[in-house]
């Protein structure tokens, strides 16, 4: 199991347009979370221009599938997104714990 960080770079009108798609977005997120694939997700603040979603999976395909199904992406609230493997080494959920 590895960690993959899905990063959203959101549109300037993201906060204004988000309410009409938020229920569908959150429902999708909770489906992935319920399967143990989405570990944490949320928007960065001050300014709200980026969101990060942490996935646990064997490859980047799970995070990519989420982005492709997400109404925020489909409806243009997300201007661009990336998926990168995150080599987590410290913490209870670290994929590759390193102690020294």
C-alpha atoms as a PDB file:
ATOM      1  CA  UNK A   1       0.000   0.000   0.000  1.00  0.00           C
ATOM      2  CA  UNK A   2       1.254   3.477  -0.887  1.00  0.00           C
ATOM      3  CA  UNK A   3      -0.026   7.011  -0.450  1.00  0.00           C
ATOM      4  CA  UNK A   4      -1.024   9.259  -3.328  1.00  0.00           C
ATOM      5  CA  UNK A   5      -1.770  12.952  -2.984  1.00  0.00           C
ATOM      6  CA  UNK A   6      -4.404  14.357  -5.326  1.00  0.00           C
ATOM      7  CA  UNK A   7      -3.977  18.120  -5.511  1.00  0.00           C
ATOM      8  CA  UNK A   8      -6.698  20.354  -6.905  1.00  0.00           C
ATOM      9  CA  UNK A   9      -5.991  23.890  -8.081  1.00  0.00           C
ATOM     10  CA  UNK A  10      -9.399  25.507  -7.937  1.00  0.00           C
ATOM     11  CA  UNK A  11     -10.979  28.236 -10.053  1.00  0.00           C
ATOM     12  CA  UNK A  12     -11.311  31.791  -8.805  1.00  0.00           C
ATOM     13  CA  UNK A  13     -15.104  31.346  -8.451  1.00  0.00           C
ATOM     14  CA  UNK A  14     -14.782  28.010  -6.610  1.00  0.00           C
ATOM     15  CA  UNK A  15     -16.371  29.213  -3.343  1.00  0.00           C
ATOM     16  CA  UNK A  16     -19.326  30.791  -5.150  1.00  0.00           C
ATOM     17  CA  UNK A  17     -20.027  27.723  -7.348  1.00  0.00           C
ATOM     18  CA  UNK A  18     -19.215  24.991  -4.821  1.00  0.00           C
ATOM     19  CA  UNK A  19     -22.613  24.790  -3.062  1.00  0.00           C
ATOM     20  CA  UNK A  20     -24.487  23.410  -6.085  1.00  0.00           C
ATOM     21  CA  UNK A  21     -22.018  20.500  -6.474  1.00  0.00           C
ATOM     22  CA  UNK A  22     -20.917  19.920  -2.893  1.00  0.00           C
ATOM     23  CA  UNK A  23     -23.463  17.212  -1.986  1.00  0.00           C
ATOM     24  CA  UNK A  24     -22.451  15.079  -4.979  1.00  0.00           C
ATOM     25  CA  UNK A  25     -18.744  15.721  -4.345  1.00  0.00           C
ATOM     26  CA  UNK A  26     -19.004  14.737  -0.679  1.00  0.00           C
ATOM     27  CA  UNK A  27     -21.053  11.632  -1.476  1.00  0.00           C
ATOM     28  CA  UNK A  28     -18.323  10.489  -3.865  1.00  0.00           C
ATOM     29  CA  UNK A  29     -15.634  11.245  -1.272  1.00  0.00           C
ATOM     30  CA  UNK A  30     -17.440   9.228   1.412  1.00  0.00           C
ATOM     31  CA  UNK A  31     -17.740   6.266  -0.967  1.00  0.00           C
ATOM     32  CA  UNK A  32     -13.971   6.258  -1.479  1.00  0.00           C
ATOM     33  CA  UNK A  33     -13.418   6.791   2.257  1.00  0.00           C
ATOM     34  CA  UNK A  34     -15.752   3.926   3.092  1.00  0.00           C
ATOM     35  CA  UNK A  35     -13.640   1.627   0.941  1.00  0.00           C
ATOM     36  CA  UNK A  36     -10.518   2.756   2.810  1.00  0.00           C
ATOM     37  CA  UNK A  37      -9.061   4.456  -0.260  1.00  0.00           C
ATOM     38  CA  UNK A  38      -9.545   8.110   0.706  1.00  0.00           C
ATOM     39  CA  UNK A  39      -7.760   8.819   3.990  1.00  0.00           C
ATOM     40  CA  UNK A  40      -8.157  12.589   4.380  1.00  0.00           C
ATOM     41  CA  UNK A  41      -9.423  15.432   2.211  1.00  0.00           C
ATOM     42  CA  UNK A  42     -10.020  19.134   2.451  1.00  0.00           C
ATOM     43  CA  UNK A  43      -9.294  22.604   1.130  1.00  0.00           C
ATOM     44  CA  UNK A  44      -6.370  24.779   2.135  1.00  0.00           C
ATOM     45  CA  UNK A  45      -7.328  28.161   3.528  1.00  0.00           C
ATOM     46  CA  UNK A  46      -6.116  31.738   3.256  1.00  0.00           C
ATOM     47  CA  UNK A  47      -6.522  31.736   0.319  1.00  0.00           C
ATOM     48  CA  UNK A  48      -8.833  28.904  -0.704  1.00  0.00           C
ATOM     49  CA  UNK A  49      -7.038  28.062  -3.948  1.00  0.00           C
ATOM     50  CA  UNK A  50      -5.964  24.462  -3.414  1.00  0.00           C
ATOM     51  CA  UNK A  51      -7.431  21.257  -2.035  1.00  0.00           C
ATOM     52  CA  UNK A  52      -5.585  18.067  -1.102  1.00  0.00           C
ATOM     53  CA  UNK A  53      -6.927  14.528  -0.981  1.00  0.00           C
ATOM     54  CA  UNK A  54      -4.814  11.707   0.439  1.00  0.00           C
ATOM     55  CA  UNK A  55      -5.408   8.227  -0.986  1.00  0.00           C
ATOM     56  CA  UNK A  56      -4.063   4.852   0.126  1.00  0.00           C
ATOM     57  CA  UNK A  57      -3.813   2.392  -2.752  1.00  0.00           C
ATOM     58  CA  UNK A  58      -1.470   0.218  -4.771  1.00  0.00           C
ATOM     59  CA  UNK A  59      -1.196   2.766  -7.568  1.00  0.00           C
ATOM     60  CA  UNK A  60      -2.306   6.233  -8.693  1.00  0.00           C
ATOM     61  CA  UNK A  61      -5.343   4.886 -10.549  1.00  0.00           C
ATOM     62  CA  UNK A  62      -7.672   5.231  -7.546  1.00  0.00           C
ATOM     63  CA  UNK A  63      -6.915   8.937  -7.085  1.00  0.00           C
ATOM     64  CA  UNK A  64      -7.144   9.501 -10.837  1.00  0.00           C
ATOM     65  CA  UNK A  65     -10.518   7.729 -10.975  1.00  0.00           C
ATOM     66  CA  UNK A  66     -11.795   9.935  -8.165  1.00  0.00           C
ATOM     67  CA  UNK A  67     -10.760  13.116  -9.975  1.00  0.00           C
ATOM     68  CA  UNK A  68     -12.316  11.979 -13.243  1.00  0.00           C
ATOM     69  CA  UNK A  69     -15.635  11.230 -11.479  1.00  0.00           C
ATOM     70  CA  UNK A  70     -15.682  14.342  -9.287  1.00  0.00           C
ATOM     71  CA  UNK A  71     -18.286  16.988 -10.187  1.00  0.00           C
ATOM     72  CA  UNK A  72     -15.836  19.689  -9.108  1.00  0.00           C
ATOM     73  CA  UNK A  73     -13.538  18.608 -11.944  1.00  0.00           C
ATOM     74  CA  UNK A  74     -16.349  17.882 -14.405  1.00  0.00           C
ATOM     75  CA  UNK A  75     -18.002  21.290 -13.839  1.00  0.00           C
ATOM     76  CA  UNK A  76     -14.792  23.343 -14.013  1.00  0.00           C
ATOM     77  CA  UNK A  77     -14.423  24.250 -10.327  1.00  0.00           C
ATOM     78  CA  UNK A  78     -11.014  22.585 -10.527  1.00  0.00           C
ATOM     79  CA  UNK A  79      -8.781  24.196 -13.143  1.00  0.00           C
ATOM     80  CA  UNK A  80      -6.130  21.487 -12.964  1.00  0.00           C
ATOM     81  CA  UNK A  81      -5.228  18.510 -10.813  1.00  0.00           C
ATOM     82  CA  UNK A  82      -2.220  16.295 -10.220  1.00  0.00           C
ATOM     83  CA  UNK A  83      -1.627  12.950  -8.559  1.00  0.00           C
ATOM     84  CA  UNK A  84       1.755  12.281  -6.968  1.00  0.00           C
ATOM     85  CA  UNK A  85       3.032   9.430  -4.860  1.00  0.00           C
ATOM     86  CA  UNK A  86       3.779  10.637  -1.337  1.00  0.00           C
ATOM     87  CA  UNK A  87       6.431   8.638   0.452  1.00  0.00           C
ATOM     88  CA  UNK A  88       5.049   8.813   3.993  1.00  0.00           C
ATOM     89  CA  UNK A  89       7.650   7.748   6.575  1.00  0.00           C
ATOM     90  CA  UNK A  90       6.487   8.987   9.986  1.00  0.00           C
ATOM     91  CA  UNK A  91       3.187   8.451  11.739  1.00  0.00           C
ATOM     92  CA  UNK A  92       0.856   5.643  12.595  1.00  0.00           C
ATOM     93  CA  UNK A  93      -0.435   5.408   9.013  1.00  0.00           C
ATOM     94  CA  UNK A  94       2.936   5.825   7.261  1.00  0.00           C
ATOM     95  CA  UNK A  95       3.256   3.581   4.222  1.00  0.00           C
ATOM     96  CA  UNK A  96       7.044   3.209   4.653  1.00  0.00           C
ATOM     97  CA  UNK A  97       7.900   3.824   8.334  1.00  0.00           C
ATOM     98  CA  UNK A  98      11.470   4.930   9.015  1.00  0.00           C
ATOM     99  CA  UNK A  99      12.610   4.987  12.639  1.00  0.00           C
ATOM    100  CA  UNK A 100      16.247   6.012  12.308  1.00  0.00           C
END
